[in-house]
Amino acid sequence: MNTQTPLLSELFRPQIIDDLALAEKEIGQLKQMLSQGSIMNLLFHGKTGTGKTTACTIILKAISPENGVKFSGSATWNVDLLSQIDMYACTQSVLGGRNCLIDDVDLLSKPMQNALRGIIDKTSKNRFLFTANDIRKVIPAIQSRALLLSFDVAPLDCAEVRDRI
């Protein structure tokens, strides 16, 4: 029997929206979208290790427990991978859209981001969740197709977030 002790970081990883290191107003906004079933394309940006990917994973599980898929911007992207994403996104499920998490979208080349923009535009039932460490590296066409949410807690919100966590 192989029993591994989970890493401390995994024990403390947020499991629900309320656990995220965000100000209450952002948590409320995400919870409202989830409760109303009105999730839009989201682009979470901020420093490394602030919970962007964890937040996207929580949302993806909530909106697409069996239909969600994750792609990494740090992986080798090529025409074949874009074709896979396109085919996945364009094949509408019985339950509605197909939902994709694209982690580290800022690591994709501009041509790959532009190609991704085309996929987003032709699949209106899908939701795309993006993370980026450097928002300046995400093309405006991707940014304009998503609600941007910074995971860099504003100085005025630091005490509230610290107390809640």
C-alpha atoms as a PDB file:
ATOM      1  CA  MET A   1       0.000   0.000   0.000  1.00  0.00           C
ATOM      2  CA  ASN A   2       1.456   3.307  -1.069  1.00  0.00           C
ATOM      3  CA  THR A   3       0.258   6.175   1.063  1.00  0.00           C
ATOM      4  CA  GLN A   4       1.885   9.489   0.378  1.00  0.00           C
ATOM      5  CA  THR A   5       1.560  12.436   2.644  1.00  0.00           C
ATOM      6  CA  PRO A   6       0.242  15.398   0.657  1.00  0.00           C
ATOM      7  CA  LEU A   7       2.475  18.428   0.337  1.00  0.00           C
ATOM      8  CA  LEU A   8       1.722  21.239   2.772  1.00  0.00           C
ATOM      9  CA  SER A   9       1.048  23.539  -0.177  1.00  0.00           C
ATOM     10  CA  GLU A  10      -1.640  21.126  -1.410  1.00  0.00           C
ATOM     11  CA  LEU A  11      -3.291  20.968   2.001  1.00  0.00           C
ATOM     12  CA  PHE A  12      -3.691  24.745   2.004  1.00  0.00           C
ATOM     13  CA  ARG A  13      -4.579  25.167  -1.682  1.00  0.00           C
ATOM     14  CA  PRO A  14      -7.985  26.864  -1.983  1.00  0.00           C
ATOM     15  CA  GLN A  15     -10.841  24.497  -2.847  1.00  0.00           C
ATOM     16  CA  ILE A  16     -13.666  27.026  -3.172  1.00  0.00           C
ATOM     17  CA  ILE A  17     -13.997  30.631  -4.361  1.00  0.00           C
ATOM     18  CA  ASP A  18     -14.214  31.932  -0.770  1.00  0.00           C
ATOM     19  CA  ASP A  19     -10.718  30.586  -0.056  1.00  0.00           C
ATOM     20  CA  LEU A  20      -9.001  32.684  -2.731  1.00  0.00           C
ATOM     21  CA  ALA A  21      -6.606  35.471  -1.748  1.00  0.00           C
ATOM     22  CA  LEU A  22      -8.752  38.164  -3.326  1.00  0.00           C
ATOM     23  CA  ALA A  23     -10.666  41.123  -1.988  1.00  0.00           C
ATOM     24  CA  GLU A  24     -14.279  40.453  -1.054  1.00  0.00           C
ATOM     25  CA  LYS A  25     -15.584  42.477  -4.007  1.00  0.00           C
ATOM     26  CA  GLU A  26     -13.810  40.179  -6.509  1.00  0.00           C
ATOM     27  CA  ILE A  27     -14.889  37.044  -4.656  1.00  0.00           C
ATOM     28  CA  GLY A  28     -18.465  38.338  -4.648  1.00  0.00           C
ATOM     29  CA  GLN A  29     -18.298  39.021  -8.379  1.00  0.00           C
ATOM     30  CA  LEU A  30     -17.059  35.484  -9.134  1.00  0.00           C
ATOM     31  CA  LYS A  31     -19.645  33.892  -6.820  1.00  0.00           C
ATOM     32  CA  GLN A  32     -22.427  35.899  -8.439  1.00  0.00           C
ATOM     33  CA  MET A  33     -21.347  34.779 -11.917  1.00  0.00           C
ATOM     34  CA  LEU A  34     -21.262  31.154 -10.770  1.00  0.00           C
ATOM     35  CA  SER A  35     -24.625  31.303  -9.002  1.00  0.00           C
ATOM     36  CA  GLN A  36     -26.292  32.909 -12.022  1.00  0.00           C
ATOM     37  CA  GLY A  37     -24.566  30.586 -14.456  1.00  0.00           C
ATOM     38  CA  SER A  38     -23.269  33.622 -16.298  1.00  0.00           C
ATOM     39  CA  ILE A  39     -19.555  32.990 -16.405  1.00  0.00           C
ATOM     40  CA  MET A  40     -17.872  34.977 -19.124  1.00  0.00           C
ATOM     41  CA  ASN A  41     -14.400  34.529 -20.553  1.00  0.00           C
ATOM     42  CA  LEU A  42     -11.990  35.407 -17.767  1.00  0.00           C
ATOM     43  CA  LEU A  43      -8.358  36.505 -17.762  1.00  0.00           C
ATOM     44  CA  PHE A  44      -6.710  36.331 -14.358  1.00  0.00           C
ATOM     45  CA  HIS A  45      -3.378  38.108 -14.173  1.00  0.00           C
ATOM     46  CA  GLY A  46      -0.830  38.853 -11.495  1.00  0.00           C
ATOM     47  CA  LYS A  47       2.361  37.708  -9.875  1.00  0.00           C
ATOM     48  CA  THR A  48       3.399  34.066  -9.858  1.00  0.00           C
ATOM     49  CA  GLY A  49       1.896  32.053  -7.012  1.00  0.00           C
ATOM     50  CA  THR A  50      -1.092  34.288  -6.290  1.00  0.00           C
ATOM     51  CA  GLY A  51      -3.754  31.655  -7.046  1.00  0.00           C
ATOM     52  CA  LYS A  52      -4.715  32.407 -10.643  1.00  0.00           C
ATOM     53  CA  THR A  53      -4.544  28.820 -11.873  1.00  0.00           C
ATOM     54  CA  THR A  54      -6.208  27.525  -8.716  1.00  0.00           C
ATOM     55  CA  ALA A  55      -9.072  30.000  -9.194  1.00  0.00           C
ATOM     56  CA  CYS A  56      -9.514  28.935 -12.812  1.00  0.00           C
ATOM     57  CA  THR A  57      -9.465  25.274 -11.806  1.00  0.00           C
ATOM     58  CA  ILE A  58     -12.183  25.875  -9.179  1.00  0.00           C
ATOM     59  CA  ILE A  59     -14.330  27.725 -11.726  1.00  0.00           C
ATOM     60  CA  LEU A  60     -13.724  25.137 -14.453  1.00  0.00           C
ATOM     61  CA  LYS A  61     -14.831  22.338 -12.104  1.00  0.00           C
ATOM     62  CA  ALA A  62     -17.946  24.315 -11.177  1.00  0.00           C
ATOM     63  CA  ILE A  63     -19.043  25.114 -14.724  1.00  0.00           C
ATOM     64  CA  SER A  64     -17.726  22.064 -16.497  1.00  0.00           C
ATOM     65  CA  PRO A  65     -17.152  19.103 -14.176  1.00  0.00           C
ATOM     66  CA  GLU A  66     -16.888  16.698 -17.108  1.00  0.00           C
ATOM     67  CA  ASN A  67     -16.341  19.017 -20.079  1.00  0.00           C
ATOM     68  CA  GLY A  68     -13.390  21.162 -19.045  1.00  0.00           C
ATOM     69  CA  VAL A  69      -9.891  20.878 -20.389  1.00  0.00           C
ATOM     70  CA  LYS A  70      -6.625  22.564 -19.468  1.00  0.00           C
ATOM     71  CA  PHE A  71      -3.832  23.636 -21.802  1.00  0.00           C
ATOM     72  CA  SER A  72      -0.541  25.137 -20.743  1.00  0.00           C
ATOM     73  CA  GLY A  73       1.025  28.122 -22.448  1.00  0.00           C
ATOM     74  CA  SER A  74       4.401  26.804 -21.396  1.00  0.00           C
ATOM     75  CA  ALA A  75       3.897  23.662 -23.483  1.00  0.00           C
ATOM     76  CA  THR A  76       5.074  23.461 -27.058  1.00  0.00           C
ATOM     77  CA  TRP A  77       2.329  25.079 -29.111  1.00  0.00           C
ATOM     78  CA  ASN A  78       1.984  24.329 -32.783  1.00  0.00           C
ATOM     79  CA  VAL A  79      -0.671  24.078 -35.466  1.00  0.00           C
ATOM     80  CA  ASP A  80      -1.622  20.565 -34.315  1.00  0.00           C
ATOM     81  CA  LEU A  81      -2.334  21.732 -30.767  1.00  0.00           C
ATOM     82  CA  LEU A  82      -4.374  24.685 -32.048  1.00  0.00           C
ATOM     83  CA  SER A  83      -6.324  22.258 -34.229  1.00  0.00           C
ATOM     84  CA  GLN A  84      -7.025  20.092 -31.174  1.00  0.00           C
ATOM     85  CA  ILE A  85      -8.274  23.113 -29.215  1.00  0.00           C
ATOM     86  CA  ASP A  86     -10.346  24.229 -32.186  1.00  0.00           C
ATOM     87  CA  MET A  87     -11.881  20.770 -32.631  1.00  0.00           C
ATOM     88  CA  TYR A  88     -12.533  20.432 -28.900  1.00  0.00           C
ATOM     89  CA  ALA A  89     -14.092  23.900 -28.640  1.00  0.00           C
ATOM     90  CA  CYS A  90     -16.189  23.564 -31.792  1.00  0.00           C
ATOM     91  CA  THR A  91     -17.656  20.212 -30.808  1.00  0.00           C
ATOM     92  CA  GLN A  92     -20.537  21.441 -28.664  1.00  0.00           C
ATOM     93  CA  SER A  93     -21.468  19.139 -25.829  1.00  0.00           C
ATOM     94  CA  VAL A  94     -25.022  18.124 -25.046  1.00  0.00           C
ATOM     95  CA  LEU A  95     -24.800  20.167 -21.854  1.00  0.00           C
ATOM     96  CA  GLY A  96     -23.822  23.411 -23.577  1.00  0.00           C
ATOM     97  CA  GLY A  97     -20.345  24.662 -24.276  1.00  0.00           C
ATOM     98  CA  ARG A  98     -16.928  23.199 -23.918  1.00  0.00           C
ATOM     99  CA  ASN A  99     -14.776  25.116 -21.500  1.00  0.00           C
ATOM    100  CA  CYS A 100     -11.014  25.596 -21.676  1.00  0.00           C
ATOM    101  CA  LEU A 101      -8.408  26.793 -19.230  1.00  0.00           C
ATOM    102  CA  ILE A 102      -5.352  28.158 -20.962  1.00  0.00           C
ATOM    103  CA  ASP A 103      -2.715  28.636 -18.310  1.00  0.00           C
ATOM    104  CA  ASP A 104       0.091  31.136 -18.944  1.00  0.00           C
ATOM    105  CA  VAL A 105      -1.423  32.567 -22.122  1.00  0.00           C
ATOM    106  CA  ASP A 106       1.229  35.287 -21.911  1.00  0.00           C
ATOM    107  CA  LEU A 107       3.868  32.688 -22.848  1.00  0.00           C
ATOM    108  CA  LEU A 108       2.240  32.060 -26.224  1.00  0.00           C
ATOM    109  CA  SER A 109       3.630  33.813 -29.274  1.00  0.00           C
ATOM    110  CA  LYS A 110       1.565  36.625 -30.775  1.00  0.00           C
ATOM    111  CA  PRO A 111       0.652  34.496 -33.838  1.00  0.00           C
ATOM    112  CA  MET A 112      -0.592  31.703 -31.525  1.00  0.00           C
ATOM    113  CA  GLN A 113      -2.597  34.208 -29.476  1.00  0.00           C
ATOM    114  CA  ASN A 114      -4.098  35.607 -32.684  1.00  0.00           C
ATOM    115  CA  ALA A 115      -5.074  32.109 -33.807  1.00  0.00           C
ATOM    116  CA  LEU A 116      -6.640  31.501 -30.400  1.00  0.00           C
ATOM    117  CA  ARG A 117      -8.660  34.688 -30.825  1.00  0.00           C
ATOM    118  CA  GLY A 118     -10.293  33.178 -33.905  1.00  0.00           C
ATOM    119  CA  ILE A 119     -11.259  30.057 -31.958  1.00  0.00           C
ATOM    120  CA  ILE A 120     -12.808  32.175 -29.196  1.00  0.00           C
ATOM    121  CA  ASP A 121     -14.847  34.154 -31.702  1.00  0.00           C
ATOM    122  CA  LYS A 122     -16.435  31.159 -33.391  1.00  0.00           C
ATOM    123  CA  THR A 123     -17.430  29.294 -30.232  1.00  0.00           C
ATOM    124  CA  SER A 124     -19.852  31.502 -28.330  1.00  0.00           C
ATOM    125  CA  LYS A 125     -21.173  28.763 -26.015  1.00  0.00           C
ATOM    126  CA  ASN A 126     -17.709  28.054 -24.657  1.00  0.00           C
ATOM    127  CA  ARG A 127     -15.921  29.787 -21.845  1.00  0.00           C
ATOM    128  CA  PHE A 128     -12.217  30.393 -21.949  1.00  0.00           C
ATOM    129  CA  LEU A 129     -10.358  30.920 -18.702  1.00  0.00           C
ATOM    130  CA  PHE A 130      -6.887  32.392 -19.037  1.00  0.00           C
ATOM    131  CA  THR A 131      -4.033  33.073 -16.657  1.00  0.00           C
ATOM    132  CA  ALA A 132      -1.113  35.402 -17.254  1.00  0.00           C
ATOM    133  CA  ASN A 133       1.773  36.522 -15.106  1.00  0.00           C
ATOM    134  CA  ASP A 134       2.480  39.500 -17.380  1.00  0.00           C
ATOM    135  CA  ILE A 135      -0.679  41.080 -18.786  1.00  0.00           C
ATOM    136  CA  ARG A 136       1.445  43.252 -21.095  1.00  0.00           C
ATOM    137  CA  LYS A 137       2.355  40.127 -23.086  1.00  0.00           C
ATOM    138  CA  VAL A 138      -1.288  39.266 -23.796  1.00  0.00           C
ATOM    139  CA  ILE A 139      -2.486  40.767 -27.064  1.00  0.00           C
ATOM    140  CA  PRO A 140      -5.296  43.328 -26.828  1.00  0.00           C
ATOM    141  CA  ALA A 141      -7.571  41.067 -28.909  1.00  0.00           C
ATOM    142  CA  ILE A 142      -7.480  38.383 -26.171  1.00  0.00           C
ATOM    143  CA  GLN A 143      -7.823  40.957 -23.383  1.00  0.00           C
ATOM    144  CA  SER A 144     -10.899  42.489 -25.025  1.00  0.00           C
ATOM    145  CA  ARG A 145     -12.649  39.112 -25.134  1.00  0.00           C
ATOM    146  CA  ALA A 146     -12.375  38.468 -21.395  1.00  0.00           C
ATOM    147  CA  LEU A 147     -13.103  40.028 -18.046  1.00  0.00           C
ATOM    148  CA  LEU A 148      -9.736  40.964 -16.553  1.00  0.00           C
ATOM    149  CA  LEU A 149      -9.179  40.297 -12.867  1.00  0.00           C
ATOM    150  CA  SER A 150      -5.913  41.194 -11.166  1.00  0.00           C
ATOM    151  CA  PHE A 151      -4.620  38.844  -8.500  1.00  0.00           C
ATOM    152  CA  ASP A 152      -2.214  41.518  -7.293  1.00  0.00           C
ATOM    153  CA  VAL A 153      -4.088  42.631  -4.189  1.00  0.00           C
ATOM    154  CA  ALA A 154      -4.393  46.408  -3.985  1.00  0.00           C
ATOM    155  CA  PRO A 155      -2.694  47.954  -0.928  1.00  0.00           C
ATOM    156  CA  LEU A 156      -6.084  49.126   0.401  1.00  0.00           C
ATOM    157  CA  ASP A 157      -7.377  45.523   0.314  1.00  0.00           C
ATOM    158  CA  CYS A 158      -4.346  43.816   1.889  1.00  0.00           C
ATOM    159  CA  ALA A 159      -5.633  43.936   5.482  1.00  0.00           C
ATOM    160  CA  GLU A 160      -9.059  42.586   4.485  1.00  0.00           C
ATOM    161  CA  VAL A 161      -7.545  39.702   2.490  1.00  0.00           C
ATOM    162  CA  ARG A 162      -5.013  38.892   5.231  1.00  0.00           C
ATOM    163  CA  ASP A 163      -7.736  38.843   7.920  1.00  0.00           C
ATOM    164  CA  ARG A 164     -10.054  36.675   5.837  1.00  0.00           C
ATOM    165  CA  ILE A 165      -7.331  34.150   5.048  1.00  0.00           C
END
